[in-house]
């Protein structure tokens, strides 16, 4: 039983690593007054930039993944849920 329990606990901790859960309301913070957070087509700097998001933009977080040591979250714009992409989790804050 011990061998089964350890992987289950690891999976639960991994899921919990993106605090707030799926569908959590977030806002963009820390991009700066003269800069925009890049909404990208995929989880990483090598993906195409879809658009820039200013501080305070309201987002809905879907899920998060780690790529090259960086946590990236798939998000949708609260005002336009059909627009989705990935942003660095470093720039997200709960509302």
N, C-alpha and C. Protein backbone atom coordinates (compact mmCIF):
# COMPACT_ATOMS: atom_id res chain seq x y z
N UNK A 1 0.82 -1.20 0.00
CA UNK A 1 0.00 0.00 0.00
C UNK A 1 0.86 1.26 0.00
N UNK A 2 2.02 1.17 0.62
CA UNK A 2 2.89 2.33 0.73
C UNK A 2 3.36 2.82 -0.65
N UNK A 3 3.62 1.93 -1.58
CA UNK A 3 4.09 2.31 -2.92
C UNK A 3 3.02 3.07 -3.69
N UNK A 4 1.79 2.77 -3.50
CA UNK A 4 0.69 3.45 -4.19
C UNK A 4 0.45 4.83 -3.56
N UNK A 5 0.55 4.92 -2.26
CA UNK A 5 0.27 6.16 -1.55
C UNK A 5 1.24 7.27 -1.94
N UNK A 6 2.52 6.98 -2.03
CA UNK A 6 3.52 8.01 -2.34
C UNK A 6 3.26 8.69 -3.69
N UNK A 7 3.03 7.95 -4.78
CA UNK A 7 2.75 8.62 -6.06
C UNK A 7 1.46 9.46 -6.01
N UNK A 8 0.47 8.98 -5.30
CA UNK A 8 -0.78 9.73 -5.20
C UNK A 8 -0.54 11.05 -4.48
N UNK A 9 0.22 11.01 -3.41
CA UNK A 9 0.52 12.24 -2.67
C UNK A 9 1.31 13.20 -3.55
N UNK A 10 2.28 12.70 -4.31
CA UNK A 10 3.07 13.55 -5.22
C UNK A 10 2.18 14.22 -6.26
N UNK A 11 1.25 13.48 -6.83
CA UNK A 11 0.35 14.04 -7.83
C UNK A 11 -0.52 15.12 -7.20
N UNK A 12 -1.04 14.89 -6.01
CA UNK A 12 -1.87 15.89 -5.34
C UNK A 12 -1.08 17.15 -5.03
N UNK A 13 0.16 17.00 -4.60
CA UNK A 13 1.00 18.17 -4.32
C UNK A 13 1.31 18.94 -5.60
N UNK A 14 1.53 18.24 -6.70
CA UNK A 14 1.79 18.89 -7.98
C UNK A 14 0.57 19.69 -8.43
N UNK A 15 -0.60 19.11 -8.29
CA UNK A 15 -1.83 19.80 -8.67
C UNK A 15 -2.03 21.03 -7.79
N UNK A 16 -1.76 20.91 -6.51
CA UNK A 16 -1.94 22.03 -5.58
C UNK A 16 -0.90 23.11 -5.77
N UNK A 17 0.18 22.82 -6.50
CA UNK A 17 1.25 23.79 -6.69
C UNK A 17 0.81 25.07 -7.38
N UNK A 18 -0.22 25.02 -8.15
CA UNK A 18 -0.75 26.20 -8.80
C UNK A 18 -1.91 26.67 -7.93
N UNK A 19 -1.58 27.37 -6.85
CA UNK A 19 -2.56 27.72 -5.82
C UNK A 19 -3.77 28.45 -6.38
N UNK A 20 -4.89 28.22 -5.76
CA UNK A 20 -6.12 28.87 -6.20
C UNK A 20 -6.98 27.96 -7.05
N UNK A 21 -6.39 26.98 -7.68
CA UNK A 21 -7.16 26.01 -8.44
C UNK A 21 -7.57 26.48 -9.82
N UNK A 22 -8.11 25.56 -10.58
CA UNK A 22 -8.55 25.83 -11.93
C UNK A 22 -9.76 26.75 -11.90
N UNK A 23 -9.76 27.73 -12.78
CA UNK A 23 -10.88 28.66 -12.86
C UNK A 23 -10.76 29.82 -11.88
N UNK A 24 -9.62 29.93 -11.19
CA UNK A 24 -9.44 30.99 -10.22
C UNK A 24 -9.33 32.35 -10.90
N UNK A 25 -9.94 33.36 -10.31
CA UNK A 25 -9.83 34.72 -10.82
C UNK A 25 -8.48 35.29 -10.44
N UNK A 26 -7.80 35.85 -11.39
CA UNK A 26 -6.48 36.42 -11.19
C UNK A 26 -6.44 37.80 -11.84
N UNK A 27 -5.38 38.55 -11.51
CA UNK A 27 -5.13 39.79 -12.23
C UNK A 27 -3.65 39.91 -12.49
N UNK A 28 -3.30 40.64 -13.54
CA UNK A 28 -1.91 40.86 -13.91
C UNK A 28 -1.30 41.88 -12.95
N UNK A 29 -0.14 41.55 -12.39
CA UNK A 29 0.58 42.47 -11.50
C UNK A 29 2.07 42.42 -11.83
N UNK A 30 2.74 43.53 -11.65
CA UNK A 30 4.19 43.56 -11.78
C UNK A 30 4.75 43.78 -13.16
N UNK A 31 3.90 43.97 -14.16
CA UNK A 31 4.41 44.23 -15.50
C UNK A 31 5.04 45.62 -15.57
N UNK A 32 4.55 46.53 -14.77
CA UNK A 32 5.09 47.89 -14.73
C UNK A 32 4.20 48.87 -15.48
N UNK A 33 4.33 50.15 -15.15
CA UNK A 33 3.44 51.15 -15.74
C UNK A 33 3.66 51.36 -17.24
N UNK A 34 4.85 51.08 -17.73
CA UNK A 34 5.15 51.32 -19.15
C UNK A 34 5.42 50.03 -19.91
N UNK A 35 4.96 48.90 -19.38
CA UNK A 35 5.23 47.62 -20.02
C UNK A 35 3.98 46.75 -19.99
N UNK A 36 3.98 45.70 -20.77
CA UNK A 36 2.85 44.78 -20.85
C UNK A 36 3.33 43.35 -20.62
N UNK A 37 2.51 42.54 -19.96
CA UNK A 37 2.77 41.12 -19.81
C UNK A 37 2.38 40.45 -21.12
N UNK A 38 3.26 39.62 -21.64
CA UNK A 38 3.00 38.97 -22.93
C UNK A 38 2.14 37.71 -22.73
N UNK A 39 0.99 37.69 -23.40
CA UNK A 39 0.15 36.50 -23.47
C UNK A 39 0.68 35.69 -24.65
N UNK A 40 1.14 34.48 -24.38
CA UNK A 40 1.81 33.67 -25.42
C UNK A 40 0.96 32.48 -25.85
N UNK A 41 1.26 31.96 -27.03
CA UNK A 41 0.53 30.83 -27.60
C UNK A 41 0.85 29.52 -26.88
N UNK A 42 1.95 29.46 -26.16
CA UNK A 42 2.33 28.26 -25.44
C UNK A 42 3.13 28.61 -24.20
N UNK A 43 3.45 27.60 -23.39
CA UNK A 43 4.13 27.83 -22.12
C UNK A 43 5.65 27.98 -22.26
N UNK A 44 6.09 29.15 -22.66
CA UNK A 44 7.53 29.40 -22.76
C UNK A 44 7.83 30.63 -23.59
N UNK A 45 9.04 31.13 -23.46
CA UNK A 45 9.43 32.35 -24.16
C UNK A 45 9.53 32.16 -25.67
N UNK A 46 9.66 30.94 -26.14
CA UNK A 46 9.80 30.68 -27.56
C UNK A 46 8.49 30.72 -28.34
N UNK A 47 7.37 30.86 -27.65
CA UNK A 47 6.08 30.86 -28.33
C UNK A 47 5.67 32.26 -28.77
N UNK A 48 4.87 32.31 -29.81
CA UNK A 48 4.39 33.57 -30.38
C UNK A 48 3.61 34.39 -29.35
N UNK A 49 3.83 35.70 -29.37
CA UNK A 49 3.09 36.62 -28.51
C UNK A 49 1.73 36.90 -29.15
N UNK A 50 0.67 36.65 -28.40
CA UNK A 50 -0.70 36.89 -28.88
C UNK A 50 -1.07 38.35 -28.68
N UNK A 51 -0.79 38.86 -27.47
CA UNK A 51 -1.09 40.26 -27.15
C UNK A 51 -0.39 40.64 -25.85
N UNK A 52 -0.34 41.94 -25.57
CA UNK A 52 0.21 42.44 -24.32
C UNK A 52 -0.91 42.76 -23.35
N UNK A 53 -0.68 42.48 -22.07
CA UNK A 53 -1.69 42.71 -21.04
C UNK A 53 -1.15 43.69 -20.00
N UNK A 54 -1.83 44.81 -19.78
CA UNK A 54 -1.37 45.76 -18.76
C UNK A 54 -1.69 45.27 -17.36
N UNK A 55 -0.98 45.84 -16.37
CA UNK A 55 -1.29 45.55 -14.97
C UNK A 55 -2.77 45.77 -14.72
N UNK A 56 -3.36 44.91 -13.91
CA UNK A 56 -4.77 45.03 -13.55
C UNK A 56 -5.71 44.26 -14.46
N UNK A 57 -5.20 43.72 -15.57
CA UNK A 57 -6.06 42.93 -16.47
C UNK A 57 -6.60 41.73 -15.72
N UNK A 58 -7.90 41.51 -15.79
CA UNK A 58 -8.56 40.40 -15.11
C UNK A 58 -8.49 39.14 -15.98
N UNK A 59 -8.03 38.03 -15.37
CA UNK A 59 -7.85 36.77 -16.08
C UNK A 59 -8.51 35.63 -15.31
N UNK A 60 -8.79 34.55 -16.03
CA UNK A 60 -9.27 33.31 -15.42
C UNK A 60 -8.19 32.26 -15.67
N UNK A 61 -7.61 31.73 -14.59
CA UNK A 61 -6.56 30.73 -14.74
C UNK A 61 -7.19 29.36 -14.98
N UNK A 62 -6.67 28.65 -15.98
CA UNK A 62 -7.16 27.31 -16.32
C UNK A 62 -6.30 26.22 -15.68
N UNK A 63 -5.02 26.19 -15.99
CA UNK A 63 -4.10 25.22 -15.43
C UNK A 63 -2.68 25.76 -15.56
N UNK A 64 -1.74 25.10 -14.91
CA UNK A 64 -0.35 25.57 -14.93
C UNK A 64 0.58 24.40 -15.23
N UNK A 65 1.70 24.72 -15.89
CA UNK A 65 2.73 23.74 -16.19
C UNK A 65 4.09 24.37 -15.94
N UNK A 66 5.08 23.54 -15.67
CA UNK A 66 6.44 24.03 -15.49
C UNK A 66 7.24 23.70 -16.74
N UNK A 67 7.87 24.72 -17.30
CA UNK A 67 8.73 24.56 -18.47
C UNK A 67 10.06 25.25 -18.17
N UNK A 68 11.14 24.51 -18.26
CA UNK A 68 12.50 25.02 -18.02
C UNK A 68 12.56 25.78 -16.68
N UNK A 69 11.97 25.20 -15.65
CA UNK A 69 12.02 25.77 -14.32
C UNK A 69 11.11 26.95 -14.07
N UNK A 70 10.28 27.31 -15.03
CA UNK A 70 9.37 28.45 -14.90
C UNK A 70 7.92 27.95 -14.92
N UNK A 71 7.09 28.46 -14.01
CA UNK A 71 5.68 28.08 -13.96
C UNK A 71 4.90 28.97 -14.91
N UNK A 72 4.19 28.35 -15.85
CA UNK A 72 3.36 29.05 -16.83
C UNK A 72 1.91 28.63 -16.63
N UNK A 73 1.00 29.59 -16.67
CA UNK A 73 -0.42 29.28 -16.49
C UNK A 73 -1.19 29.60 -17.76
N UNK A 74 -2.07 28.67 -18.13
CA UNK A 74 -2.98 28.91 -19.25
C UNK A 74 -4.13 29.75 -18.69
N UNK A 75 -4.40 30.87 -19.34
CA UNK A 75 -5.41 31.80 -18.86
C UNK A 75 -6.35 32.21 -19.99
N UNK A 76 -7.48 32.78 -19.59
CA UNK A 76 -8.43 33.39 -20.53
C UNK A 76 -8.73 34.78 -20.01
N UNK A 77 -8.96 35.71 -20.90
CA UNK A 77 -9.35 37.05 -20.47
C UNK A 77 -10.75 36.98 -19.88
N UNK A 78 -10.95 37.59 -18.72
CA UNK A 78 -12.28 37.60 -18.09
C UNK A 78 -13.30 38.30 -18.98
N UNK A 79 -12.89 39.37 -19.62
CA UNK A 79 -13.80 40.15 -20.46
C UNK A 79 -14.03 39.51 -21.82
N UNK A 80 -13.16 38.60 -22.23
CA UNK A 80 -13.28 37.92 -23.53
C UNK A 80 -12.75 36.50 -23.36
N UNK A 81 -13.54 35.59 -22.76
CA UNK A 81 -13.06 34.24 -22.44
C UNK A 81 -12.58 33.42 -23.63
N UNK A 82 -12.92 33.83 -24.84
CA UNK A 82 -12.45 33.12 -26.02
C UNK A 82 -10.98 33.39 -26.33
N UNK A 83 -10.41 34.41 -25.72
CA UNK A 83 -9.00 34.73 -25.91
C UNK A 83 -8.21 34.04 -24.80
N UNK A 84 -7.41 33.07 -25.19
CA UNK A 84 -6.64 32.28 -24.23
C UNK A 84 -5.17 32.25 -24.62
N UNK A 85 -4.34 31.94 -23.67
CA UNK A 85 -2.92 31.82 -23.91
C UNK A 85 -2.22 31.51 -22.60
N UNK A 86 -0.91 31.66 -22.59
CA UNK A 86 -0.10 31.36 -21.42
C UNK A 86 0.64 32.61 -20.95
N UNK A 87 0.74 32.75 -19.63
CA UNK A 87 1.53 33.82 -19.02
C UNK A 87 2.38 33.22 -17.90
N UNK A 88 3.46 33.90 -17.56
CA UNK A 88 4.27 33.48 -16.43
C UNK A 88 3.47 33.68 -15.15
N UNK A 89 3.48 32.66 -14.29
CA UNK A 89 2.75 32.74 -13.02
C UNK A 89 3.32 33.82 -12.10
N UNK A 90 4.55 34.26 -12.36
CA UNK A 90 5.17 35.31 -11.55
C UNK A 90 4.39 36.62 -11.62
N UNK A 91 3.58 36.79 -12.65
CA UNK A 91 2.84 38.04 -12.86
C UNK A 91 1.35 37.92 -12.57
N UNK A 92 0.97 36.88 -11.85
CA UNK A 92 -0.43 36.69 -11.49
C UNK A 92 -0.64 36.87 -10.00
N UNK A 93 -1.76 37.49 -9.64
CA UNK A 93 -2.10 37.69 -8.25
C UNK A 93 -3.59 37.49 -8.10
N UNK A 94 -3.98 36.84 -6.99
CA UNK A 94 -5.41 36.68 -6.74
C UNK A 94 -6.05 38.05 -6.60
N UNK A 95 -7.28 38.14 -7.04
CA UNK A 95 -8.02 39.40 -6.96
C UNK A 95 -8.26 39.80 -5.54
